[in-house]
Amino acid sequence: MDNFTIMEKIRGIRALAIFISGWGMAWYSQPATWHKGSWLMLIGLVMVIVTALLQSVIELEEGNEE
């Protein structure tokens, strides 16, 4: 699998993470479901950070190959 395909998958996962965080924000604003919303926001934030780190590592490896 080439790096372009991997980067596209990372972008898709990041888009899903942003969606999950947004969903969590909507739940967080409701008094009855704020605890579920806070967990969803936390999960989304962790997913965004992990995908950003993966993307940085892949870009660094591409730079080292050239």
PDB file of N, CA and C in Angstrom:
ATOM      1  N   MET A   1       0.844  -1.164   0.000  1.00  0.00           N
ATOM      2  CA  MET A   1       0.000   0.000   0.000  1.00  0.00           C
ATOM      3  C   MET A   1       0.900   1.242   0.000  1.00  0.00           C
ATOM      4  N   ASP A   2       0.643   2.133  -0.909  1.00  0.00           N
ATOM      5  CA  ASP A   2       1.491   3.318  -0.998  1.00  0.00           C
ATOM      6  C   ASP A   2       1.047   4.372   0.012  1.00  0.00           C
ATOM      7  N   ASN A   3       1.885   5.382   0.175  1.00  0.00           N
ATOM      8  CA  ASN A   3       1.620   6.413   1.183  1.00  0.00           C
ATOM      9  C   ASN A   3       0.384   7.238   0.862  1.00  0.00           C
ATOM     10  N   PHE A   4       0.077   7.415  -0.433  1.00  0.00           N
ATOM     11  CA  PHE A   4      -1.100   8.201  -0.800  1.00  0.00           C
ATOM     12  C   PHE A   4      -2.370   7.530  -0.286  1.00  0.00           C
ATOM     13  N   THR A   5      -2.469   6.219  -0.430  1.00  0.00           N
ATOM     14  CA  THR A   5      -3.639   5.485   0.048  1.00  0.00           C
ATOM     15  C   THR A   5      -3.741   5.567   1.571  1.00  0.00           C
ATOM     16  N   ILE A   6      -2.611   5.445   2.243  1.00  0.00           N
ATOM     17  CA  ILE A   6      -2.603   5.536   3.700  1.00  0.00           C
ATOM     18  C   ILE A   6      -3.040   6.928   4.140  1.00  0.00           C
ATOM     19  N   MET A   7      -2.562   7.963   3.463  1.00  0.00           N
ATOM     20  CA  MET A   7      -2.937   9.336   3.816  1.00  0.00           C
ATOM     21  C   MET A   7      -4.432   9.563   3.604  1.00  0.00           C
ATOM     22  N   GLU A   8      -4.993   8.974   2.568  1.00  0.00           N
ATOM     23  CA  GLU A   8      -6.438   9.114   2.342  1.00  0.00           C
ATOM     24  C   GLU A   8      -7.232   8.445   3.453  1.00  0.00           C
ATOM     25  N   LYS A   9      -6.768   7.295   3.915  1.00  0.00           N
ATOM     26  CA  LYS A   9      -7.446   6.622   5.027  1.00  0.00           C
ATOM     27  C   LYS A   9      -7.334   7.441   6.304  1.00  0.00           C
ATOM     28  N   ILE A  10      -6.178   8.042   6.544  1.00  0.00           N
ATOM     29  CA  ILE A  10      -6.003   8.889   7.724  1.00  0.00           C
ATOM     30  C   ILE A  10      -6.941  10.087   7.657  1.00  0.00           C
ATOM     31  N   ARG A  11      -7.082  10.689   6.487  1.00  0.00           N
ATOM     32  CA  ARG A  11      -8.009  11.823   6.347  1.00  0.00           C
ATOM     33  C   ARG A  11      -9.450  11.393   6.604  1.00  0.00           C
ATOM     34  N   GLY A  12      -9.810  10.197   6.172  1.00  0.00           N
ATOM     35  CA  GLY A  12     -11.153   9.688   6.429  1.00  0.00           C
ATOM     36  C   GLY A  12     -11.398   9.454   7.905  1.00  0.00           C
ATOM     37  N   ILE A  13     -10.400   8.897   8.595  1.00  0.00           N
ATOM     38  CA  ILE A  13     -10.527   8.671  10.036  1.00  0.00           C
ATOM     39  C   ILE A  13     -10.624  10.001  10.764  1.00  0.00           C
ATOM     40  N   ARG A  14      -9.852  10.990  10.313  1.00  0.00           N
ATOM     41  CA  ARG A  14      -9.915  12.307  10.944  1.00  0.00           C
ATOM     42  C   ARG A  14     -11.279  12.953  10.730  1.00  0.00           C
ATOM     43  N   ALA A  15     -11.847  12.789   9.550  1.00  0.00           N
ATOM     44  CA  ALA A  15     -13.192  13.324   9.307  1.00  0.00           C
ATOM     45  C   ALA A  15     -14.214  12.654  10.218  1.00  0.00           C
ATOM     46  N   LEU A  16     -14.089  11.353  10.414  1.00  0.00           N
ATOM     47  CA  LEU A  16     -14.967  10.639  11.335  1.00  0.00           C
ATOM     48  C   LEU A  16     -14.782  11.141  12.763  1.00  0.00           C
ATOM     49  N   ALA A  17     -13.549  11.402  13.158  1.00  0.00           N
ATOM     50  CA  ALA A  17     -13.273  11.901  14.508  1.00  0.00           C
ATOM     51  C   ALA A  17     -13.895  13.277  14.721  1.00  0.00           C
ATOM     52  N   ILE A  18     -13.831  14.132  13.724  1.00  0.00           N
ATOM     53  CA  ILE A  18     -14.434  15.457  13.835  1.00  0.00           C
ATOM     54  C   ILE A  18     -15.950  15.330  13.930  1.00  0.00           C
ATOM     55  N   PHE A  19     -16.522  14.402  13.183  1.00  0.00           N
ATOM     56  CA  PHE A  19     -17.962  14.164  13.271  1.00  0.00           C
ATOM     57  C   PHE A  19     -18.351  13.678  14.667  1.00  0.00           C
ATOM     58  N   ILE A  20     -17.578  12.745  15.223  1.00  0.00           N
ATOM     59  CA  ILE A  20     -17.849  12.227  16.562  1.00  0.00           C
ATOM     60  C   ILE A  20     -17.749  13.354  17.593  1.00  0.00           C
ATOM     61  N   SER A  21     -16.743  14.215  17.452  1.00  0.00           N
ATOM     62  CA  SER A  21     -16.607  15.333  18.381  1.00  0.00           C
ATOM     63  C   SER A  21     -17.794  16.283  18.281  1.00  0.00           C
ATOM     64  N   GLY A  22     -18.240  16.549  17.078  1.00  0.00           N
ATOM     65  CA  GLY A  22     -19.406  17.412  16.898  1.00  0.00           C
ATOM     66  C   GLY A  22     -20.658  16.810  17.490  1.00  0.00           C
ATOM     67  N   TRP A  23     -20.813  15.524  17.320  1.00  0.00           N
ATOM     68  CA  TRP A  23     -21.943  14.811  17.906  1.00  0.00           C
ATOM     69  C   TRP A  23     -21.873  14.897  19.430  1.00  0.00           C
ATOM     70  N   GLY A  24     -20.665  14.754  19.969  1.00  0.00           N
ATOM     71  CA  GLY A  24     -20.462  14.880  21.399  1.00  0.00           C
ATOM     72  C   GLY A  24     -20.799  16.273  21.907  1.00  0.00           C
ATOM     73  N   MET A  25     -20.450  17.303  21.116  1.00  0.00           N
ATOM     74  CA  MET A  25     -20.791  18.671  21.516  1.00  0.00           C
ATOM     75  C   MET A  25     -22.295  18.876  21.558  1.00  0.00           C
ATOM     76  N   ALA A  26     -23.002  18.278  20.613  1.00  0.00           N
ATOM     77  CA  ALA A  26     -24.464  18.393  20.612  1.00  0.00           C
ATOM     78  C   ALA A  26     -25.058  17.705  21.843  1.00  0.00           C
ATOM     79  N   TRP A  27     -24.527  16.546  22.202  1.00  0.00           N
ATOM     80  CA  TRP A  27     -25.025  15.841  23.386  1.00  0.00           C
ATOM     81  C   TRP A  27     -24.612  16.554  24.668  1.00  0.00           C
ATOM     82  N   TYR A  28     -23.429  17.171  24.648  1.00  0.00           N
ATOM     83  CA  TYR A  28     -22.935  17.853  25.840  1.00  0.00           C
ATOM     84  C   TYR A  28     -23.829  19.044  26.201  1.00  0.00           C
ATOM     85  N   SER A  29     -24.442  19.648  25.218  1.00  0.00           N
ATOM     86  CA  SER A  29     -25.279  20.815  25.473  1.00  0.00           C
ATOM     87  C   SER A  29     -26.630  20.443  26.090  1.00  0.00           C
ATOM     88  N   GLN A  30     -26.977  19.171  26.086  1.00  0.00           N
ATOM     89  CA  GLN A  30     -28.237  18.725  26.687  1.00  0.00           C
ATOM     90  C   GLN A  30     -27.982  18.272  28.129  1.00  0.00           C
ATOM     91  N   PRO A  31     -28.796  18.732  29.069  1.00  0.00           N
ATOM     92  CA  PRO A  31     -28.548  18.383  30.482  1.00  0.00           C
ATOM     93  C   PRO A  31     -28.577  16.886  30.770  1.00  0.00           C
ATOM     94  N   ALA A  32     -29.417  16.132  30.080  1.00  0.00           N
ATOM     95  CA  ALA A  32     -29.557  14.703  30.387  1.00  0.00           C
ATOM     96  C   ALA A  32     -28.425  13.853  29.822  1.00  0.00           C
ATOM     97  N   THR A  33     -27.738  14.338  28.816  1.00  0.00           N
ATOM     98  CA  THR A  33     -26.720  13.508  28.149  1.00  0.00           C
ATOM     99  C   THR A  33     -25.338  14.150  28.146  1.00  0.00           C
ATOM    100  N   TRP A  34     -25.078  15.077  29.046  1.00  0.00           N
ATOM    101  CA  TRP A  34     -23.792  15.776  29.012  1.00  0.00           C
ATOM    102  C   TRP A  34     -22.618  14.819  29.248  1.00  0.00           C
ATOM    103  N   HIS A  35     -22.805  13.783  30.070  1.00  0.00           N
ATOM    104  CA  HIS A  35     -21.712  12.860  30.355  1.00  0.00           C
ATOM    105  C   HIS A  35     -21.343  12.038  29.116  1.00  0.00           C
ATOM    106  N   LYS A  36     -22.340  11.637  28.323  1.00  0.00           N
ATOM    107  CA  LYS A  36     -22.047  10.913  27.076  1.00  0.00           C
ATOM    108  C   LYS A  36     -21.346  11.840  26.088  1.00  0.00           C
ATOM    109  N   GLY A  37     -21.798  13.084  26.037  1.00  0.00           N
ATOM    110  CA  GLY A  37     -21.179  14.050  25.128  1.00  0.00           C
ATOM    111  C   GLY A  37     -19.730  14.322  25.463  1.00  0.00           C
ATOM    112  N   SER A  38     -19.423  14.397  26.758  1.00  0.00           N
ATOM    113  CA  SER A  38     -18.038  14.663  27.142  1.00  0.00           C
ATOM    114  C   SER A  38     -17.131  13.510  26.724  1.00  0.00           C
ATOM    115  N   TRP A  39     -17.616  12.262  26.857  1.00  0.00           N
ATOM    116  CA  TRP A  39     -16.811  11.119  26.422  1.00  0.00           C
ATOM    117  C   TRP A  39     -16.631  11.109  24.909  1.00  0.00           C
ATOM    118  N   LEU A  40     -17.679  11.433  24.167  1.00  0.00           N
ATOM    119  CA  LEU A  40     -17.553  11.476  22.708  1.00  0.00           C
ATOM    120  C   LEU A  40     -16.574  12.553  22.268  1.00  0.00           C
ATOM    121  N   MET A  41     -16.627  13.717  22.911  1.00  0.00           N
ATOM    122  CA  MET A  41     -15.672  14.776  22.571  1.00  0.00           C
ATOM    123  C   MET A  41     -14.250  14.342  22.874  1.00  0.00           C
ATOM    124  N   LEU A  42     -14.050  13.659  23.987  1.00  0.00           N
ATOM    125  CA  LEU A  42     -12.716  13.182  24.353  1.00  0.00           C
ATOM    126  C   LEU A  42     -12.213  12.139  23.356  1.00  0.00           C
ATOM    127  N   ILE A  43     -13.066  11.211  22.981  1.00  0.00           N
ATOM    128  CA  ILE A  43     -12.684  10.184  21.994  1.00  0.00           C
ATOM    129  C   ILE A  43     -12.332  10.839  20.658  1.00  0.00           C
ATOM    130  N   GLY A  44     -13.149  11.779  20.223  1.00  0.00           N
ATOM    131  CA  GLY A  44     -12.869  12.477  18.970  1.00  0.00           C
ATOM    132  C   GLY A  44     -11.562  13.246  19.012  1.00  0.00           C
ATOM    133  N   LEU A  45     -11.292  13.910  20.134  1.00  0.00           N
ATOM    134  CA  LEU A  45     -10.047  14.656  20.269  1.00  0.00           C
ATOM    135  C   LEU A  45      -8.835  13.729  20.216  1.00  0.00           C
ATOM    136  N   VAL A  46      -8.908  12.606  20.900  1.00  0.00           N
ATOM    137  CA  VAL A  46      -7.800  11.644  20.872  1.00  0.00           C
ATOM    138  C   VAL A  46      -7.591  11.105  19.455  1.00  0.00           C
ATOM    139  N   MET A  47      -8.684  10.827  18.750  1.00  0.00           N
ATOM    140  CA  MET A  47      -8.560  10.324  17.375  1.00  0.00           C
ATOM    141  C   MET A  47      -7.902  11.363  16.467  1.00  0.00           C
ATOM    142  N   VAL A  48      -8.263  12.632  16.628  1.00  0.00           N
ATOM    143  CA  VAL A  48      -7.656  13.690  15.812  1.00  0.00           C
ATOM    144  C   VAL A  48      -6.165  13.802  16.106  1.00  0.00           C
ATOM    145  N   ILE A  49      -5.785  13.744  17.376  1.00  0.00           N
ATOM    146  CA  ILE A  49      -4.370  13.842  17.740  1.00  0.00           C
ATOM    147  C   ILE A  49      -3.589  12.660  17.190  1.00  0.00           C
ATOM    148  N   VAL A  50      -4.125  11.455  17.299  1.00  0.00           N
ATOM    149  CA  VAL A  50      -3.430  10.263  16.803  1.00  0.00           C
ATOM    150  C   VAL A  50      -3.265  10.319  15.285  1.00  0.00           C
ATOM    151  N   THR A  51      -4.312  10.730  14.572  1.00  0.00           N
ATOM    152  CA  THR A  51      -4.181  10.805  13.103  1.00  0.00           C
ATOM    153  C   THR A  51      -3.200  11.890  12.695  1.00  0.00           C
ATOM    154  N   ALA A  52      -3.149  12.998  13.441  1.00  0.00           N
ATOM    155  CA  ALA A  52      -2.168  14.046  13.120  1.00  0.00           C
ATOM    156  C   ALA A  52      -0.746  13.530  13.330  1.00  0.00           C
ATOM    157  N   LEU A  53      -0.532  12.772  14.404  1.00  0.00           N
ATOM    158  CA  LEU A  53       0.797  12.199  14.636  1.00  0.00           C
ATOM    159  C   LEU A  53       1.165  11.186  13.556  1.00  0.00           C
ATOM    160  N   LEU A  54       0.210  10.337  13.163  1.00  0.00           N
ATOM    161  CA  LEU A  54       0.481   9.374  12.088  1.00  0.00           C
ATOM    162  C   LEU A  54       0.828  10.083  10.783  1.00  0.00           C
ATOM    163  N   GLN A  55       0.091  11.127  10.480  1.00  0.00           N
ATOM    164  CA  GLN A  55       0.365  11.869   9.250  1.00  0.00           C
ATOM    165  C   GLN A  55       1.751  12.508   9.304  1.00  0.00           C
ATOM    166  N   SER A  56       2.150  13.035  10.452  1.00  0.00           N
ATOM    167  CA  SER A  56       3.477  13.628  10.590  1.00  0.00           C
ATOM    168  C   SER A  56       4.573  12.587  10.402  1.00  0.00           C
ATOM    169  N   VAL A  57       4.380  11.410  10.981  1.00  0.00           N
ATOM    170  CA  VAL A  57       5.377  10.347  10.840  1.00  0.00           C
ATOM    171  C   VAL A  57       5.515   9.924   9.382  1.00  0.00           C
ATOM    172  N   ILE A  58       4.406   9.773   8.696  1.00  0.00           N
ATOM    173  CA  ILE A  58       4.450   9.370   7.283  1.00  0.00           C
ATOM    174  C   ILE A  58       5.135  10.439   6.441  1.00  0.00           C
ATOM    175  N   GLU A  59       4.828  11.708   6.710  1.00  0.00           N
ATOM    176  CA  GLU A  59       5.487  12.782   5.945  1.00  0.00           C
ATOM    177  C   GLU A  59       6.972  12.836   6.230  1.00  0.00           C
ATOM    178  N   LEU A  60       7.384  12.575   7.468  1.00  0.00           N
ATOM    179  CA  LEU A  60       8.811  12.541   7.793  1.00  0.00           C
ATOM    180  C   LEU A  60       9.509  11.388   7.085  1.00  0.00           C
ATOM    181  N   GLU A  61       8.846  10.226   7.018  1.00  0.00           N
ATOM    182  CA  GLU A  61       9.448   9.086   6.324  1.00  0.00           C
ATOM    183  C   GLU A  61       9.583   9.362   4.834  1.00  0.00           C
ATOM    184  N   GLU A  62       8.591  10.060   4.252  1.00  0.00           N
ATOM    185  CA  GLU A  62       8.693  10.415   2.845  1.00  0.00           C
ATOM    186  C   GLU A  62       9.879  11.349   2.612  1.00  0.00           C
ATOM    187  N   GLY A  63      10.112  12.274   3.533  1.00  0.00           N
ATOM    188  CA  GLY A  63      11.241  13.200   3.416  1.00  0.00           C
ATOM    189  C   GLY A  63      12.570  12.497   3.538  1.00  0.00           C
ATOM    190  N   ASN A  64      12.650  11.457   4.367  1.00  0.00           N
ATOM    191  CA  ASN A  64      13.891  10.714   4.543  1.00  0.00           C
ATOM    192  C   ASN A  64      14.201   9.833   3.338  1.00  0.00           C
ATOM    193  N   GLU A  65      13.166   9.393   2.617  1.00  0.00           N
ATOM    194  CA  GLU A  65      13.390   8.529   1.453  1.00  0.00           C
ATOM    195  C   GLU A  65      13.961   9.309   0.288  1.00  0.00           C
ATOM    196  N   GLU A  66      13.666  10.589   0.203  1.00  0.00           N
ATOM    197  CA  GLU A  66      14.122  11.398  -0.945  1.00  0.00           C
ATOM    198  C   GLU A  66      15.540  11.852  -0.794  1.00  0.00           C
TER     199      GLU A  66
END
